[in-house]
Structures are given as structure tokens and as C-alpha cells.
């Protein structure tokens, strides 16, 4: 199981901010899909 919170923390310091934003958009979409 992927833990998004743990996944996001190390990435924030080493990945391009644009990729962080894109990742967060995908994450939000996945989370909203899980709610339905």
C-alpha cells in the first residue's frame, strides 16, 4: 500500500515544484475516486 503522505515528504525537497503540483492533482483525483 502506498502512503501518500510519506511519499510526498521526501519528494518535496528533491523534485521540481511543478511535479509536486502535478502529483498532488493526481493524488486528489485518486482520493476523490476512492470516495465514490
N, C-alpha and C. Protein backbone atom coordinates (compact mmCIF):
# COMPACT_ATOMS: atom_id res chain seq x y z
N UNK A 1 0.84 -1.19 0.00
CA UNK A 1 0.00 0.00 0.00
C UNK A 1 0.88 1.25 0.00
N UNK A 2 0.52 2.19 -0.84
CA UNK A 2 1.29 3.43 -0.92
C UNK A 2 0.75 4.44 0.08
N UNK A 3 1.64 5.00 0.88
CA UNK A 3 1.24 6.04 1.82
C UNK A 3 1.58 7.38 1.18
N UNK A 4 0.56 8.10 0.72
CA UNK A 4 0.78 9.35 0.00
C UNK A 4 1.51 10.38 0.85
N UNK A 5 1.21 10.43 2.14
CA UNK A 5 1.85 11.42 3.00
C UNK A 5 3.35 11.16 3.11
N UNK A 6 3.72 9.89 3.29
CA UNK A 6 5.14 9.56 3.37
C UNK A 6 5.81 9.75 2.02
N UNK A 7 5.05 9.50 0.97
CA UNK A 7 5.60 9.63 -0.38
C UNK A 7 5.89 11.09 -0.71
N UNK A 8 5.03 11.99 -0.20
CA UNK A 8 5.14 13.40 -0.54
C UNK A 8 6.29 14.09 0.18
N UNK A 9 6.58 13.71 1.41
CA UNK A 9 7.58 14.43 2.20
C UNK A 9 8.98 14.42 1.59
N UNK A 10 9.56 13.26 1.25
CA UNK A 10 10.90 13.28 0.68
C UNK A 10 10.93 13.91 -0.71
N UNK A 11 9.83 13.78 -1.44
CA UNK A 11 9.79 14.30 -2.80
C UNK A 11 9.85 15.83 -2.81
N UNK A 12 9.27 16.46 -1.79
CA UNK A 12 9.17 17.91 -1.77
C UNK A 12 10.54 18.59 -1.79
N UNK A 13 11.56 17.91 -1.26
CA UNK A 13 12.88 18.52 -1.16
C UNK A 13 13.75 18.25 -2.39
N UNK A 14 13.34 17.31 -3.23
CA UNK A 14 14.22 16.89 -4.33
C UNK A 14 13.58 16.96 -5.71
N UNK A 15 12.26 17.17 -5.76
CA UNK A 15 11.56 17.14 -7.04
C UNK A 15 11.11 18.55 -7.42
N UNK A 16 11.08 18.80 -8.73
CA UNK A 16 10.63 20.09 -9.25
C UNK A 16 9.23 20.42 -8.73
N UNK A 17 9.03 21.67 -8.27
CA UNK A 17 7.72 22.07 -7.73
C UNK A 17 6.57 21.80 -8.68
N UNK A 18 6.83 21.90 -9.98
CA UNK A 18 5.76 21.62 -10.95
C UNK A 18 5.33 20.17 -10.85
N UNK A 19 6.29 19.29 -10.61
CA UNK A 19 5.97 17.87 -10.48
C UNK A 19 5.20 17.62 -9.19
N UNK A 20 5.53 18.37 -8.14
CA UNK A 20 4.79 18.24 -6.87
C UNK A 20 3.34 18.63 -7.10
N UNK A 21 3.13 19.73 -7.81
CA UNK A 21 1.76 20.18 -8.07
C UNK A 21 1.00 19.15 -8.88
N UNK A 22 1.66 18.61 -9.91
CA UNK A 22 1.02 17.60 -10.75
C UNK A 22 0.70 16.35 -9.94
N UNK A 23 1.65 15.96 -9.10
CA UNK A 23 1.45 14.79 -8.25
C UNK A 23 0.26 15.00 -7.32
N UNK A 24 0.17 16.20 -6.73
CA UNK A 24 -0.93 16.49 -5.82
C UNK A 24 -2.27 16.45 -6.54
N UNK A 25 -2.30 16.91 -7.79
CA UNK A 25 -3.55 16.87 -8.56
C UNK A 25 -3.98 15.43 -8.80
N UNK A 26 -3.02 14.59 -9.16
CA UNK A 26 -3.33 13.17 -9.38
C UNK A 26 -3.76 12.51 -8.08
N UNK A 27 -3.05 12.85 -6.99
CA UNK A 27 -3.39 12.29 -5.68
C UNK A 27 -4.82 12.66 -5.30
N UNK A 28 -5.15 13.94 -5.48
CA UNK A 28 -6.51 14.40 -5.13
C UNK A 28 -7.55 13.67 -5.96
N UNK A 29 -7.25 13.44 -7.24
CA UNK A 29 -8.19 12.74 -8.10
C UNK A 29 -8.38 11.30 -7.63
N UNK A 30 -7.28 10.65 -7.28
CA UNK A 30 -7.38 9.27 -6.79
C UNK A 30 -8.17 9.21 -5.49
N UNK A 31 -7.91 10.14 -4.59
CA UNK A 31 -8.62 10.15 -3.31
C UNK A 31 -10.10 10.40 -3.52
N UNK A 32 -10.44 11.30 -4.43
CA UNK A 32 -11.86 11.59 -4.68
C UNK A 32 -12.52 10.38 -5.34
N UNK A 33 -11.78 9.68 -6.20
CA UNK A 33 -12.33 8.47 -6.83
C UNK A 33 -12.61 7.40 -5.78
N UNK A 34 -11.73 7.32 -4.78
CA UNK A 34 -11.92 6.32 -3.73
C UNK A 34 -13.15 6.61 -2.88
N UNK A 35 -13.53 7.87 -2.82
CA UNK A 35 -14.68 8.26 -2.00
C UNK A 35 -16.01 7.87 -2.64
N UNK A 36 -15.97 7.54 -3.93
CA UNK A 36 -17.23 7.20 -4.61
C UNK A 36 -17.46 5.70 -4.70
